[in-house]
Full PDB file with SEQRES, HELIX, SHEET, SSBOND, CRYST1, ORIGX, SCALE, CONECT and MASTER records, all heavy atoms in Angstrom:
SEQRES   1 A   33  GLU ALA ILE LEU ASP GLN MET PRO HIS LEU LYS ALA SER          
SEQRES   2 A   33  PRO TYR ILE SER SER GLN VAL MET LEU ARG ARG GLY GLN          
SEQRES   3 A   33  LYS LEU GLU GLY ALA LEU MET                                  
HELIX    1 AA1 ALA A    2  GLN A    6  1                                   5    
SHEET    1 AA1 2 GLN A  19  ARG A  24  0                                        
SHEET    2 AA1 2 LYS A  27  LEU A  32 -1                                        
CRYST1    1.000    1.000    1.000  90.00  90.00  90.00 P 1           1          
ORIGX1      1.000000  0.000000  0.000000        0.00000                         
ORIGX2      0.000000  1.000000  0.000000        0.00000                         
ORIGX3      0.000000  0.000000  1.000000        0.00000                         
SCALE1      1.000000  0.000000  0.000000        0.00000                         
SCALE2      0.000000  1.000000  0.000000        0.00000                         
SCALE3      0.000000  0.000000  1.000000        0.00000                         
ATOM      1  N   GLU A   1     163.796 242.889  64.086  1.00  0.00           N  
ATOM      2  CA  GLU A   1     164.971 242.648  64.930  1.00  0.00           C  
ATOM      3  C   GLU A   1     164.607 242.735  66.411  1.00  0.00           C  
ATOM      4  O   GLU A   1     165.109 241.946  67.228  1.00  0.00           O  
ATOM      5  CB  GLU A   1     166.067 243.665  64.589  1.00  0.00           C  
ATOM      6  CG  GLU A   1     166.664 243.465  63.200  1.00  0.00           C  
ATOM      7  CD  GLU A   1     167.595 244.594  62.796  1.00  0.00           C  
ATOM      8  OE1 GLU A   1     167.670 245.599  63.562  1.00  0.00           O  
ATOM      9  OE2 GLU A   1     168.246 244.479  61.735  1.00  0.00           O  
ATOM     10  N   ALA A   2     163.726 243.652  66.764  1.00  0.00           N  
ATOM     11  CA  ALA A   2     163.316 243.807  68.170  1.00  0.00           C  
ATOM     12  C   ALA A   2     162.558 242.565  68.651  1.00  0.00           C  
ATOM     13  O   ALA A   2     162.744 242.097  69.779  1.00  0.00           O  
ATOM     14  CB  ALA A   2     162.449 245.050  68.332  1.00  0.00           C  
ATOM     15  N   ILE A   3     161.705 242.029  67.787  1.00  0.00           N  
ATOM     16  CA  ILE A   3     160.953 240.812  68.146  1.00  0.00           C  
ATOM     17  C   ILE A   3     161.906 239.651  68.380  1.00  0.00           C  
ATOM     18  O   ILE A   3     161.801 238.913  69.368  1.00  0.00           O  
ATOM     19  CB  ILE A   3     159.935 240.461  67.037  1.00  0.00           C  
ATOM     20  CG1 ILE A   3     158.823 241.506  66.981  1.00  0.00           C  
ATOM     21  CG2 ILE A   3     159.346 239.069  67.274  1.00  0.00           C  
ATOM     22  CD1 ILE A   3     157.906 241.358  65.785  1.00  0.00           C  
ATOM     23  N   LEU A   4     162.864 239.470  67.465  1.00  0.00           N  
ATOM     24  CA  LEU A   4     163.800 238.352  67.567  1.00  0.00           C  
ATOM     25  C   LEU A   4     164.778 238.522  68.723  1.00  0.00           C  
ATOM     26  O   LEU A   4     165.262 237.530  69.275  1.00  0.00           O  
ATOM     27  CB  LEU A   4     164.556 238.174  66.251  1.00  0.00           C  
ATOM     28  CG  LEU A   4     163.685 237.769  65.039  1.00  0.00           C  
ATOM     29  CD1 LEU A   4     164.545 237.634  63.791  1.00  0.00           C  
ATOM     30  CD2 LEU A   4     162.951 236.469  65.320  1.00  0.00           C  
ATOM     31  N   ASP A   5     165.082 239.775  69.090  1.00  0.00           N  
ATOM     32  CA  ASP A   5     165.964 240.014  70.247  1.00  0.00           C  
ATOM     33  C   ASP A   5     165.290 239.558  71.534  1.00  0.00           C  
ATOM     34  O   ASP A   5     165.932 238.971  72.415  1.00  0.00           O  
ATOM     35  CB  ASP A   5     166.307 241.507  70.336  1.00  0.00           C  
ATOM     36  CG  ASP A   5     167.362 241.916  69.320  1.00  0.00           C  
ATOM     37  OD1 ASP A   5     168.037 241.009  68.780  1.00  0.00           O  
ATOM     38  OD2 ASP A   5     167.477 243.120  69.030  1.00  0.00           O  
ATOM     39  N   GLN A   6     163.986 239.810  71.652  1.00  0.00           N  
ATOM     40  CA  GLN A   6     163.260 239.453  72.878  1.00  0.00           C  
ATOM     41  C   GLN A   6     162.764 238.007  72.867  1.00  0.00           C  
ATOM     42  O   GLN A   6     162.580 237.418  73.921  1.00  0.00           O  
ATOM     43  CB  GLN A   6     162.071 240.412  73.062  1.00  0.00           C  
ATOM     44  CG  GLN A   6     162.498 241.863  73.271  1.00  0.00           C  
ATOM     45  CD  GLN A   6     161.308 242.770  73.532  1.00  0.00           C  
ATOM     46  OE1 GLN A   6     160.661 242.683  74.567  1.00  0.00           O  
ATOM     47  NE2 GLN A   6     161.018 243.652  72.582  1.00  0.00           N  
ATOM     48  N   MET A   7     162.553 237.464  71.673  1.00  0.00           N  
ATOM     49  CA  MET A   7     162.073 236.084  71.558  1.00  0.00           C  
ATOM     50  C   MET A   7     162.930 235.349  70.514  1.00  0.00           C  
ATOM     51  O   MET A   7     162.482 235.066  69.390  1.00  0.00           O  
ATOM     52  CB  MET A   7     160.596 236.073  71.157  1.00  0.00           C  
ATOM     53  CG  MET A   7     159.701 236.858  72.093  1.00  0.00           C  
ATOM     54  SD  MET A   7     157.943 236.798  71.612  1.00  0.00           S  
ATOM     55  CE  MET A   7     157.535 235.095  72.044  1.00  0.00           C  
ATOM     56  N   PRO A   8     164.178 235.043  70.884  1.00  0.00           N  
ATOM     57  CA  PRO A   8     165.125 234.466  69.908  1.00  0.00           C  
ATOM     58  C   PRO A   8     164.747 233.070  69.415  1.00  0.00           C  
ATOM     59  O   PRO A   8     165.302 232.600  68.415  1.00  0.00           O  
ATOM     60  CB  PRO A   8     166.445 234.435  70.689  1.00  0.00           C  
ATOM     61  CG  PRO A   8     166.052 234.446  72.134  1.00  0.00           C  
ATOM     62  CD  PRO A   8     164.802 235.236  72.203  1.00  0.00           C  
ATOM     63  N   HIS A   9     163.833 232.380  70.097  1.00  0.00           N  
ATOM     64  CA  HIS A   9     163.459 231.032  69.671  1.00  0.00           C  
ATOM     65  C   HIS A   9     162.527 231.044  68.455  1.00  0.00           C  
ATOM     66  O   HIS A   9     162.288 230.002  67.834  1.00  0.00           O  
ATOM     67  CB  HIS A   9     162.775 230.285  70.819  1.00  0.00           C  
ATOM     68  CG  HIS A   9     161.509 230.930  71.289  1.00  0.00           C  
ATOM     69  ND1 HIS A   9     161.490 232.057  72.078  1.00  0.00           N  
ATOM     70  CD2 HIS A   9     160.208 230.612  71.064  1.00  0.00           C  
ATOM     71  CE1 HIS A   9     160.239 232.403  72.337  1.00  0.00           C  
ATOM     72  NE2 HIS A   9     159.430 231.538  71.721  1.00  0.00           N  
ATOM     73  N   LEU A  10     161.977 232.212  68.111  1.00  0.00           N  
ATOM     74  CA  LEU A  10     161.085 232.317  66.955  1.00  0.00           C  
ATOM     75  C   LEU A  10     161.888 232.398  65.652  1.00  0.00           C  
ATOM     76  O   LEU A  10     163.007 232.908  65.627  1.00  0.00           O  
ATOM     77  CB  LEU A  10     160.195 233.558  67.076  1.00  0.00           C  
ATOM     78  CG  LEU A  10     159.223 233.632  68.258  1.00  0.00           C  
ATOM     79  CD1 LEU A  10     158.465 234.941  68.228  1.00  0.00           C  
ATOM     80  CD2 LEU A  10     158.262 232.452  68.230  1.00  0.00           C  
ATOM     81  N   LYS A  11     161.293 231.912  64.574  1.00  0.00           N  
ATOM     82  CA  LYS A  11     161.851 232.067  63.231  1.00  0.00           C  
ATOM     83  C   LYS A  11     160.962 233.038  62.473  1.00  0.00           C  
ATOM     84  O   LYS A  11     159.738 232.893  62.483  1.00  0.00           O  
ATOM     85  CB  LYS A  11     161.907 230.725  62.509  1.00  0.00           C  
ATOM     86  CG  LYS A  11     162.853 229.720  63.148  1.00  0.00           C  
ATOM     87  CD  LYS A  11     162.831 228.403  62.392  1.00  0.00           C  
ATOM     88  CE  LYS A  11     163.732 227.365  63.052  1.00  0.00           C  
ATOM     89  NZ  LYS A  11     163.668 226.052  62.355  1.00  0.00           N  
ATOM     90  N   ALA A  12     161.580 234.031  61.819  1.00  0.00           N  
ATOM     91  CA  ALA A  12     160.806 235.101  61.190  1.00  0.00           C  
ATOM     92  C   ALA A  12     161.065 235.177  59.693  1.00  0.00           C  
ATOM     93  O   ALA A  12     162.177 234.918  59.224  1.00  0.00           O  
ATOM     94  CB  ALA A  12     161.145 236.438  61.844  1.00  0.00           C  
ATOM     95  N   SER A  13     160.025 235.542  58.958  1.00  0.00           N  
ATOM     96  CA  SER A  13     160.133 235.793  57.522  1.00  0.00           C  
ATOM     97  C   SER A  13     159.293 237.032  57.200  1.00  0.00           C  
ATOM     98  O   SER A  13     158.077 236.926  57.014  1.00  0.00           O  
ATOM     99  CB  SER A  13     159.636 234.584  56.716  1.00  0.00           C  
ATOM    100  OG  SER A  13     159.649 234.871  55.326  1.00  0.00           O  
ATOM    101  N   PRO A  14     159.934 238.214  57.102  1.00  0.00           N  
ATOM    102  CA  PRO A  14     159.187 239.430  56.752  1.00  0.00           C  
ATOM    103  C   PRO A  14     158.653 239.321  55.323  1.00  0.00           C  
ATOM    104  O   PRO A  14     159.259 238.666  54.471  1.00  0.00           O  
ATOM    105  CB  PRO A  14     160.238 240.538  56.866  1.00  0.00           C  
ATOM    106  CG  PRO A  14     161.374 239.943  57.626  1.00  0.00           C  
ATOM    107  CD  PRO A  14     161.362 238.484  57.341  1.00  0.00           C  
ATOM    108  N   TYR A  15     157.547 239.990  55.068  1.00  0.00           N  
ATOM    109  CA  TYR A  15     156.951 239.881  53.729  1.00  0.00           C  
ATOM    110  C   TYR A  15     156.282 241.177  53.313  1.00  0.00           C  
ATOM    111  O   TYR A  15     155.923 242.022  54.140  1.00  0.00           O  
ATOM    112  CB  TYR A  15     155.917 238.755  53.702  1.00  0.00           C  
ATOM    113  CG  TYR A  15     154.674 239.049  54.497  1.00  0.00           C  
ATOM    114  CD1 TYR A  15     153.579 239.700  53.932  1.00  0.00           C  
ATOM    115  CD2 TYR A  15     154.581 238.700  55.854  1.00  0.00           C  
ATOM    116  CE1 TYR A  15     152.442 239.988  54.673  1.00  0.00           C  
ATOM    117  CE2 TYR A  15     153.438 238.981  56.594  1.00  0.00           C  
ATOM    118  CZ  TYR A  15     152.370 239.629  56.000  1.00  0.00           C  
ATOM    119  OH  TYR A  15     151.261 239.930  56.731  1.00  0.00           O  
ATOM    120  N   ILE A  16     156.146 241.317  52.007  1.00  0.00           N  
ATOM    121  CA  ILE A  16     155.289 242.337  51.397  1.00  0.00           C  
ATOM    122  C   ILE A  16     154.227 241.574  50.633  1.00  0.00           C  
ATOM    123  O   ILE A  16     154.523 240.562  49.990  1.00  0.00           O  
ATOM    124  CB  ILE A  16     156.088 243.245  50.431  1.00  0.00           C  
ATOM    125  CG1 ILE A  16     157.177 244.003  51.180  1.00  0.00           C  
ATOM    126  CG2 ILE A  16     155.159 244.215  49.712  1.00  0.00           C  
ATOM    127  CD1 ILE A  16     158.111 244.796  50.262  1.00  0.00           C  
ATOM    128  N   SER A  17     152.992 242.009  50.714  1.00  0.00           N  
ATOM    129  CA  SER A  17     151.923 241.300  50.010  1.00  0.00           C  
ATOM    130  C   SER A  17     151.096 242.273  49.181  1.00  0.00           C  
ATOM    131  O   SER A  17     150.989 243.456  49.519  1.00  0.00           O  
ATOM    132  CB  SER A  17     151.024 240.551  50.989  1.00  0.00           C  
ATOM    133  OG  SER A  17     150.325 241.457  51.804  1.00  0.00           O  
ATOM    134  N   SER A  18     150.515 241.731  48.123  1.00  0.00           N  
ATOM    135  CA  SER A  18     149.663 242.548  47.265  1.00  0.00           C  
ATOM    136  C   SER A  18     148.658 241.668  46.544  1.00  0.00           C  
ATOM    137  O   SER A  18     149.005 240.589  46.050  1.00  0.00           O  
ATOM    138  CB  SER A  18     150.512 243.308  46.245  1.00  0.00           C  
ATOM    139  OG  SER A  18     149.693 244.051  45.358  1.00  0.00           O  
ATOM    140  N   GLN A  19     147.419 242.116  46.510  1.00  0.00           N  
ATOM    141  CA  GLN A  19     146.433 241.446  45.683  1.00  0.00           C  
ATOM    142  C   GLN A  19     146.685 241.828  44.232  1.00  0.00           C  
ATOM    143  O   GLN A  19     146.888 243.005  43.914  1.00  0.00           O  
ATOM    144  CB  GLN A  19     145.015 241.854  46.094  1.00  0.00           C  
ATOM    145  CG  GLN A  19     144.619 241.346  47.466  1.00  0.00           C  
ATOM    146  CD  GLN A  19     143.194 241.685  47.825  1.00  0.00           C  
ATOM    147  OE1 GLN A  19     142.610 242.587  47.241  1.00  0.00           O  
ATOM    148  NE2 GLN A  19     142.642 240.971  48.785  1.00  0.00           N  
ATOM    149  N   VAL A  20     146.680 240.832  43.367  1.00  0.00           N  
ATOM    150  CA  VAL A  20     147.040 241.057  41.965  1.00  0.00           C  
ATOM    151  C   VAL A  20     146.030 240.355  41.057  1.00  0.00           C  
ATOM    152  O   VAL A  20     145.261 239.492  41.487  1.00  0.00           O  
ATOM    153  CB  VAL A  20     148.457 240.540  41.645  1.00  0.00           C  
ATOM    154  CG1 VAL A  20     149.492 241.278  42.470  1.00  0.00           C  
ATOM    155  CG2 VAL A  20     148.561 239.026  41.886  1.00  0.00           C  
ATOM    156  N   MET A  21     146.051 240.750  39.778  1.00  0.00           N  
ATOM    157  CA  MET A  21     145.319 240.053  38.733  1.00  0.00           C  
ATOM    158  C   MET A  21     146.345 239.445  37.785  1.00  0.00           C  
ATOM    159  O   MET A  21     147.320 240.094  37.394  1.00  0.00           O  
ATOM    160  CB  MET A  21     144.408 241.009  37.971  1.00  0.00           C  
ATOM    161  CG  MET A  21     143.324 241.636  38.816  1.00  0.00           C  
ATOM    162  SD  MET A  21     142.130 240.439  39.468  1.00  0.00           S  
ATOM    163  CE  MET A  21     141.332 239.905  37.965  1.00  0.00           C  
ATOM    164  N   LEU A  22     146.139 238.181  37.441  1.00  0.00           N  
ATOM    165  CA  LEU A  22     147.043 237.484  36.528  1.00  0.00           C  
ATOM    166  C   LEU A  22     146.376 237.388  35.163  1.00  0.00           C  
ATOM    167  O   LEU A  22     145.192 237.040  35.065  1.00  0.00           O  
ATOM    168  CB  LEU A  22     147.355 236.081  37.056  1.00  0.00           C  
ATOM    169  CG  LEU A  22     147.853 235.987  38.510  1.00  0.00           C  
ATOM    170  CD1 LEU A  22     148.050 234.533  38.914  1.00  0.00           C  
ATOM    171  CD2 LEU A  22     149.133 236.772  38.691  1.00  0.00           C  
ATOM    172  N   ARG A  23     147.150 237.701  34.122  1.00  0.00           N  
ATOM    173  CA  ARG A  23     146.570 237.670  32.774  1.00  0.00           C  
ATOM    174  C   ARG A  23     147.506 236.942  31.815  1.00  0.00           C  
ATOM    175  O   ARG A  23     148.709 237.169  31.798  1.00  0.00           O  
ATOM    176  CB  ARG A  23     146.321 239.087  32.261  1.00  0.00           C  
ATOM    177  CG  ARG A  23     145.495 239.128  30.965  1.00  0.00           C  
ATOM    178  CD  ARG A  23     145.286 240.548  30.494  1.00  0.00           C  
ATOM    179  NE  ARG A  23     146.522 241.074  29.896  1.00  0.00           N  
ATOM    180  CZ  ARG A  23     146.700 242.347  29.538  1.00  0.00           C  
ATOM    181  NH1 ARG A  23     145.719 243.224  29.759  1.00  0.00           N  
ATOM    182  NH2 ARG A  23     147.836 242.746  28.999  1.00  0.00           N  
ATOM    183  N   ARG A  24     146.875 236.055  31.053  1.00  0.00           N  
ATOM    184  CA  ARG A  24     147.581 235.400  29.965  1.00  0.00           C  
ATOM    185  C   ARG A  24     146.578 235.218  28.817  1.00  0.00           C  
ATOM    186  O   ARG A  24     145.601 234.490  28.972  1.00  0.00           O  
ATOM    187  CB  ARG A  24     148.149 234.050  30.372  1.00  0.00           C  
ATOM    188  CG  ARG A  24     149.077 233.465  29.304  1.00  0.00           C  
ATOM    189  CD  ARG A  24     149.590 232.100  29.675  1.00  0.00           C  
ATOM    190  NE  ARG A  24     150.598 231.670  28.733  1.00  0.00           N  
ATOM    191  CZ  ARG A  24     151.039 230.431  28.600  1.00  0.00           C  
ATOM    192  NH1 ARG A  24     150.537 229.478  29.388  1.00  0.00           N  
ATOM    193  NH2 ARG A  24     151.941 230.126  27.716  1.00  0.00           N  
ATOM    194  N   GLY A  25     146.840 235.886  27.709  1.00  0.00           N  
ATOM    195  CA  GLY A  25     145.869 235.881  26.630  1.00  0.00           C  
ATOM    196  C   GLY A  25     144.603 236.592  27.092  1.00  0.00           C  
ATOM    197  O   GLY A  25     144.632 237.708  27.603  1.00  0.00           O  
ATOM    198  N   GLN A  26     143.465 235.915  26.972  1.00  0.00           N  
ATOM    199  CA  GLN A  26     142.187 236.478  27.392  1.00  0.00           C  
ATOM    200  C   GLN A  26     141.794 236.044  28.807  1.00  0.00           C  
ATOM    201  O   GLN A  26     140.761 236.475  29.314  1.00  0.00           O  
ATOM    202  CB  GLN A  26     141.087 236.046  26.396  1.00  0.00           C  
ATOM    203  CG  GLN A  26     141.311 236.540  24.976  1.00  0.00           C  
ATOM    204  CD  GLN A  26     141.365 238.056  24.902  1.00  0.00           C  
ATOM    205  OE1 GLN A  26     140.528 238.748  25.477  1.00  0.00           O  
ATOM    206  NE2 GLN A  26     142.378 238.585  24.209  1.00  0.00           N  
ATOM    207  N   LYS A  27     142.585 235.175  29.424  1.00  0.00           N  
ATOM    208  CA  LYS A  27     142.253 234.652  30.755  1.00  0.00           C  
ATOM    209  C   LYS A  27     142.750 235.605  31.834  1.00  0.00           C  
ATOM    210  O   LYS A  27     143.889 236.083  31.799  1.00  0.00           O  
ATOM    211  CB  LYS A  27     142.860 233.263  30.961  1.00  0.00           C  
ATOM    212  CG  LYS A  27     142.447 232.619  32.280  1.00  0.00           C  
ATOM    213  CD  LYS A  27     142.965 231.213  32.385  1.00  0.00           C  
ATOM    214  CE  LYS A  27     142.158 230.259  31.555  1.00  0.00           C  
ATOM    215  NZ  LYS A  27     140.771 230.118  32.073  1.00  0.00           N  
ATOM    216  N   LEU A  28     141.885 235.884  32.801  1.00  0.00           N  
ATOM    217  CA  LEU A  28     142.196 236.815  33.876  1.00  0.00           C  
ATOM    218  C   LEU A  28     141.749 236.194  35.196  1.00  0.00           C  
ATOM    219  O   LEU A  28     140.599 235.780  35.336  1.00  0.00           O  
ATOM    220  CB  LEU A  28     141.468 238.140  33.644  1.00  0.00           C  
ATOM    221  CG  LEU A  28     141.934 239.362  34.432  1.00  0.00           C  
ATOM    222  CD1 LEU A  28     143.331 239.779  34.013  1.00  0.00           C  
ATOM    223  CD2 LEU A  28     140.959 240.522  34.211  1.00  0.00           C  
ATOM    224  N   GLU A  29     142.662 236.094  36.166  1.00  0.00           N  
ATOM    225  CA  GLU A  29     142.358 235.495  37.471  1.00  0.00           C  
ATOM    226  C   GLU A  29     142.999 236.317  38.586  1.00  0.00           C  
ATOM    227  O   GLU A  29     144.044 236.935  38.394  1.00  0.00           O  
ATOM    228  CB  GLU A  29     142.883 234.056  37.552  1.00  0.00           C  
ATOM    229  CG  GLU A  29     142.206 233.074  36.611  1.00  0.00           C  
ATOM    230  CD  GLU A  29     140.786 232.728  37.020  1.00  0.00           C  
ATOM    231  OE1 GLU A  29     140.439 232.971  38.207  1.00  0.00           O  
ATOM    232  OE2 GLU A  29     140.035 232.240  36.168  1.00  0.00           O  
ATOM    233  N   GLY A  30     142.363 236.310  39.760  1.00  0.00           N  
ATOM    234  CA  GLY A  30     142.913 237.005  40.909  1.00  0.00           C  
ATOM    235  C   GLY A  30     143.877 236.127  41.696  1.00  0.00           C  
ATOM    236  O   GLY A  30     143.787 234.901  41.650  1.00  0.00           O  
ATOM    237  N   ALA A  31     144.812 236.747  42.407  1.00  0.00           N  
ATOM    238  CA  ALA A  31     145.791 236.009  43.209  1.00  0.00           C  
ATOM    239  C   ALA A  31     146.334 236.918  44.309  1.00  0.00           C  
ATOM    240  O   ALA A  31     146.038 238.115  44.349  1.00  0.00           O  
ATOM    241  CB  ALA A  31     146.923 235.487  42.338  1.00  0.00           C  
ATOM    242  N   LEU A  32     147.106 236.325  45.197  1.00  0.00           N  
ATOM    243  CA  LEU A  32     147.767 237.060  46.274  1.00  0.00           C  
ATOM    244  C   LEU A  32     149.256 236.795  46.168  1.00  0.00           C  
ATOM    245  O   LEU A  32     149.703 235.649  46.284  1.00  0.00           O  
ATOM    246  CB  LEU A  32     147.236 236.608  47.633  1.00  0.00           C  
ATOM    247  CG  LEU A  32     147.787 237.320  48.869  1.00  0.00           C  
ATOM    248  CD1 LEU A  32     147.428 238.804  48.835  1.00  0.00           C  
ATOM    249  CD2 LEU A  32     147.244 236.696  50.141  1.00  0.00           C  
ATOM    250  N   MET A  33     150.035 237.848  45.911  1.00  0.00           N  
ATOM    251  CA  MET A  33     151.484 237.701  45.728  1.00  0.00           C  
ATOM    252  C   MET A  33     152.212 238.153  46.983  1.00  0.00           C  
ATOM    253  O   MET A  33     151.943 239.228  47.523  1.00  0.00           O  
ATOM    254  CB  MET A  33     151.949 238.509  44.514  1.00  0.00           C  
ATOM    255  CG  MET A  33     153.444 238.432  44.276  1.00  0.00           C  
ATOM    256  SD  MET A  33     153.968 239.265  42.750  1.00  0.00           S  
ATOM    257  CE  MET A  33     153.683 237.961  41.559  1.00  0.00           C  
TER     258      MET A  33                                                      
MASTER        0    0    0    1    2    0    0    6  257    1    0    3          
END                                                                             
C-alpha cells in the first residue's frame, strides 16, 4: 500500500513463492509455485 500510495501509476501483484516437487505416479519433477 505504501508503494502504491507514492507511485499510483504502478500496478502491483503481491505473491508468495515456493520451490516444489511435482509427483504423479513414479514421475517426479521440480517447479516453482
